[in-house]
Every structure is written in C-alpha cells, then in structure tokens.
C-alpha cells in the first residue's frame, strides 16, 4: 500500500467542492505539477503555517490531477511561492577587496523557484 502524503489544498469555490488540491509551476512557462509532502512540517516550511492539507496516496492524487492534464507530482519541494527575485550575476556585483576587513560575498545561494498556479 502507498504511504499517505500531505497534499496542500485550498477552499473550494462552491459547496460541491469543499477542498481543491493546489498545483504549481516549477518555473515560468513550465507545465503544472501536483504538490505533495512527506510530513506536515515540510508542507508548512514550503507553503506557510496556515496552509490547509489533506492526506492522499500518490495514485489517488494522480487520479485527481490527470483529468487536468497533470502527469507529474513533486514531492517535498523546498519553496512554493511568488517568483523569487534573481540574484545579480557575479559580473554585476561590486569589486571586493579580499585583504580588507569585513565580510566577503562568497556567492549567493539560489533556491528552487516555484510559481503558485492560479488555475486550480
């Protein structure tokens, strides 16, 4: 039997759909994917502490998503939210004197970017 996952949902628009699973795009212009998490704490870390969820198996989630043309489910994405601002390229950063006192920008870390999908 498949383990139950934590699947983010939003309130439905009418009485017949009390909850609707959330989807996302893993970048501008990319195909929508389903979202699932292996723990409630991971879901809240990626989507915030007020995100509602339901428990579903991966096959059950895919069965809900396939009629929408969604064939992929991403498990435990690190961040799902508005598009994150891009860090400047190294050529655009000011020169740093490595011999001077103070902190040195050793390179900006980049995070996975997920765009919330407005089509549910």
Protein backbone atom coordinates (compact mmCIF):
# COMPACT_ATOMS: atom_id res chain seq x y z
CA UNK A 1 0.00 0.00 0.00
CA UNK A 2 1.21 3.51 -0.83
CA UNK A 3 2.02 5.83 2.04
CA UNK A 4 -0.33 8.75 2.57
CA UNK A 5 1.14 12.11 1.66
CA UNK A 6 0.29 15.60 2.88
CA UNK A 7 -1.34 17.35 -0.10
CA UNK A 8 -1.94 21.12 0.03
CA UNK A 9 -5.49 22.26 -0.66
CA UNK A 10 -7.43 25.48 -0.85
CA UNK A 11 -11.10 26.04 -0.07
CA UNK A 12 -13.42 25.14 -2.91
CA UNK A 13 -15.47 27.74 -4.72
CA UNK A 14 -18.83 26.07 -4.02
CA UNK A 15 -20.49 23.51 -1.76
CA UNK A 16 -19.79 20.62 -4.13
CA UNK A 17 -16.02 21.12 -3.80
CA UNK A 18 -15.12 21.80 -0.16
CA UNK A 19 -11.38 21.49 -0.95
CA UNK A 20 -9.32 21.64 -4.15
CA UNK A 21 -5.74 20.37 -4.44
CA UNK A 22 -3.12 23.01 -5.17
CA UNK A 23 -0.81 22.83 -8.16
CA UNK A 24 2.26 24.82 -9.12
CA UNK A 25 4.62 25.51 -11.98
CA UNK A 26 8.31 24.80 -11.30
CA UNK A 27 9.26 27.94 -13.24
CA UNK A 28 7.73 30.41 -15.67
CA UNK A 29 6.27 28.70 -18.73
CA UNK A 30 6.66 25.20 -17.29
CA UNK A 31 3.90 22.60 -17.10
CA UNK A 32 1.79 22.42 -13.95
CA UNK A 33 2.65 19.75 -11.40
CA UNK A 34 0.94 18.38 -8.33
CA UNK A 35 2.44 19.02 -4.91
CA UNK A 36 2.84 16.53 -2.07
CA UNK A 37 4.84 16.40 1.14
CA UNK A 38 6.06 13.54 3.30
CA UNK A 39 5.41 15.46 6.52
CA UNK A 40 3.24 18.30 7.77
CA UNK A 41 6.32 20.24 8.86
CA UNK A 42 7.75 20.09 5.32
CA UNK A 43 4.46 21.31 3.86
CA UNK A 44 4.34 24.24 6.29
CA UNK A 45 8.01 25.09 5.67
CA UNK A 46 7.33 25.40 1.93
CA UNK A 47 3.84 26.93 1.97
CA UNK A 48 3.48 28.61 5.34
CA UNK A 49 1.95 27.62 8.68
CA UNK A 50 -1.66 28.30 7.66
CA UNK A 51 -1.66 26.06 4.58
CA UNK A 52 -4.50 23.52 4.74
CA UNK A 53 -3.88 19.92 3.66
CA UNK A 54 -5.46 16.51 3.18
CA UNK A 55 -3.92 13.03 3.22
CA UNK A 56 -3.83 11.18 -0.12
CA UNK A 57 -1.78 8.41 -1.64
CA UNK A 58 0.28 9.25 -4.73
CA UNK A 59 -2.02 7.18 -7.01
CA UNK A 60 -5.11 8.95 -5.61
CA UNK A 61 -3.51 12.37 -6.15
CA UNK A 62 -2.54 11.47 -9.72
CA UNK A 63 -6.11 10.27 -10.35
CA UNK A 64 -7.36 13.73 -9.35
CA UNK A 65 -4.77 15.54 -11.46
CA UNK A 66 -4.85 13.53 -14.71
CA UNK A 67 -8.19 14.99 -15.91
CA UNK A 68 -6.44 18.39 -15.73
CA UNK A 69 -3.59 17.11 -17.91
CA UNK A 70 -1.15 16.94 -14.99
CA UNK A 71 1.04 13.82 -15.01
CA UNK A 72 3.75 14.76 -12.51
CA UNK A 73 3.78 15.17 -8.72
CA UNK A 74 6.69 16.90 -6.99
CA UNK A 75 7.33 15.60 -3.51
CA UNK A 76 8.81 17.86 -0.82
CA UNK A 77 9.66 20.96 -2.88
CA UNK A 78 11.64 23.40 -0.72
CA UNK A 79 9.78 26.57 -1.65
CA UNK A 80 6.44 27.28 -3.24
CA UNK A 81 5.52 30.93 -3.54
CA UNK A 82 5.81 34.07 -5.59
CA UNK A 83 8.65 34.27 -8.04
CA UNK A 84 11.82 34.94 -6.11
CA UNK A 85 13.98 37.88 -7.24
CA UNK A 86 17.03 36.83 -9.18
CA UNK A 87 20.41 37.37 -7.56
CA UNK A 88 22.79 39.58 -9.56
CA UNK A 89 25.34 37.84 -11.71
CA UNK A 90 28.95 37.95 -10.42
CA UNK A 91 29.91 40.44 -13.15
CA UNK A 92 27.24 42.85 -11.82
CA UNK A 93 28.49 42.75 -8.21
CA UNK A 94 30.86 45.45 -6.93
CA UNK A 95 34.53 44.55 -6.64
CA UNK A 96 35.58 43.26 -3.21
CA UNK A 97 38.96 43.89 -1.64
CA UNK A 98 39.83 40.46 -0.22
CA UNK A 99 42.52 41.96 2.01
CA UNK A 100 40.19 44.44 3.73
CA UNK A 101 38.44 43.62 6.96
CA UNK A 102 34.78 42.68 6.79
CA UNK A 103 32.60 40.03 5.26
CA UNK A 104 33.05 38.82 1.72
CA UNK A 105 30.21 37.79 -0.56
CA UNK A 106 31.28 34.28 -1.46
CA UNK A 107 28.45 33.72 -3.88
CA UNK A 108 24.73 33.94 -3.44
CA UNK A 109 22.87 30.71 -2.95
CA UNK A 110 19.97 30.12 -5.27
CA UNK A 111 16.75 28.49 -4.19
CA UNK A 112 14.35 26.38 -6.18
CA UNK A 113 11.70 28.61 -7.65
CA UNK A 114 8.08 27.52 -7.75
CA UNK A 115 5.26 29.64 -9.04
CA UNK A 116 1.86 29.09 -7.44
CA UNK A 117 -0.65 28.19 -10.06
CA UNK A 118 -3.78 30.28 -10.25
CA UNK A 119 -5.66 27.61 -12.23
CA UNK A 120 -6.87 25.02 -9.78
